[in-house]
Amino acid sequence: MTQLSWTNSLLILSGSKVKEERYSYLQLSIKENYSKRELDRQITSAYYERYLLSEGNLPSTNKIIDEDDYLDTRILALYSLEFLD
C-alpha cells in the first residue's frame, strides 16, 4: 500500500526547490491526505515558506525589529490571503 499517489509525488518533486521543502510537503501530504488540487494549492501559495516565516526558522537579517511593533504578523503569516489580491 502506498501512502502518496504518483500525481502528488510528481507535484512535490517538480514544485519544490530544496530537499527540506520536498520532505516537508511529503510529510504534510501524507498526514493530511491531500488531493492533487489541495496539494497544488499549498505548493503554489508557498505554504512551506509561510510556515518557516511563522516559526521564525529563517536566518535573521542585521536589522532588528521590535516584536511589539508587529503583534499580529505571526498570525497573518499562517494564513494564505491570496483571494485578497
Protein backbone atom coordinates (compact mmCIF):
# COMPACT_ATOMS: atom_id res chain seq x y z
CA MET A 1 0.00 0.00 0.00
CA THR A 2 1.38 3.39 -0.96
CA GLN A 3 0.94 6.47 1.18
CA LEU A 4 1.18 9.00 -1.63
CA SER A 5 -0.22 9.00 -5.13
CA TRP A 6 2.04 9.22 -8.17
CA THR A 7 0.48 12.57 -9.14
CA ASN A 8 1.19 14.07 -5.71
CA SER A 9 4.75 12.76 -5.84
CA LEU A 10 5.30 14.43 -9.21
CA LEU A 11 3.81 17.70 -7.94
CA ILE A 12 6.14 17.73 -4.96
CA LEU A 13 9.23 16.84 -6.98
CA SER A 14 8.55 19.42 -9.66
CA GLY A 15 7.33 22.18 -7.33
CA SER A 16 9.98 22.05 -4.62
CA LYS A 17 13.30 23.83 -4.72
CA VAL A 18 15.26 22.13 -1.92
CA LYS A 19 15.14 18.71 -0.31
CA GLU A 20 13.86 20.08 3.02
CA GLU A 21 10.89 21.59 1.20
CA ARG A 22 10.21 18.27 -0.59
CA TYR A 23 10.36 16.36 2.67
CA SER A 24 8.02 18.83 4.34
CA TYR A 25 5.43 18.58 1.53
CA LEU A 26 5.73 14.77 1.52
CA GLN A 27 5.02 14.58 5.24
CA LEU A 28 2.21 17.12 5.07
CA SER A 29 0.57 15.41 2.11
CA ILE A 30 0.64 12.02 3.80
CA LYS A 31 -0.54 13.37 7.16
CA GLU A 32 -3.39 15.47 5.75
CA ASN A 33 -4.23 13.08 2.87
CA TYR A 34 -4.20 15.93 0.34
CA SER A 35 -5.86 15.61 -3.02
CA LYS A 36 -3.95 16.74 -6.12
CA ARG A 37 -5.81 20.04 -6.16
CA GLU A 38 -5.20 20.82 -2.48
CA LEU A 39 -1.51 19.91 -2.68
CA ASP A 40 -1.09 22.04 -5.78
CA ARG A 41 -2.74 24.97 -3.98
CA GLN A 42 -0.42 24.55 -0.99
CA ILE A 43 2.67 24.49 -3.21
CA THR A 44 1.65 27.45 -5.40
CA SER A 45 0.70 29.51 -2.34
CA ALA A 46 4.18 28.83 -0.85
CA TYR A 47 2.94 27.07 2.28
CA TYR A 48 6.45 25.90 3.16
CA GLU A 49 7.89 29.43 3.11
CA ARG A 50 4.96 30.79 5.10
CA TYR A 51 5.43 28.05 7.66
CA LEU A 52 9.10 28.84 8.04
CA LEU A 53 8.33 32.52 8.48
CA SER A 54 5.69 31.83 11.11
CA GLU A 55 8.00 29.59 13.08
CA GLY A 56 10.93 32.00 12.83
CA ASN A 57 13.27 29.41 11.33
CA LEU A 58 14.65 31.59 8.57
CA PRO A 59 18.04 33.24 9.05
CA SER A 60 17.71 36.65 10.62
CA THR A 61 18.93 39.82 8.96
CA ASN A 62 21.08 42.52 10.51
CA LYS A 63 18.04 44.73 11.03
CA ILE A 64 16.43 44.31 14.44
CA ILE A 65 12.64 44.69 14.58
CA ASP A 66 10.84 45.01 17.86
CA GLU A 67 8.08 42.38 18.11
CA ASP A 68 5.78 44.82 19.90
CA ASP A 69 5.55 46.86 16.69
CA TYR A 70 4.10 43.90 14.76
CA LEU A 71 1.90 41.93 17.15
CA ASP A 72 -0.22 40.15 14.55
CA THR A 73 2.49 39.47 11.96
CA ARG A 74 3.00 35.93 13.23
CA ILE A 75 -0.72 35.18 13.00
CA LEU A 76 -1.08 36.57 9.47
CA ALA A 77 1.87 34.53 8.25
CA LEU A 78 -0.11 31.35 8.95
CA TYR A 79 -2.94 32.22 6.57
CA SER A 80 -2.99 32.42 2.82
CA LEU A 81 -4.78 35.61 1.82
CA GLU A 82 -4.37 35.03 -1.92
CA PHE A 83 -8.04 35.85 -2.55
CA LEU A 84 -7.43 39.47 -1.46
CA ASP A 85 -5.10 40.18 -4.40
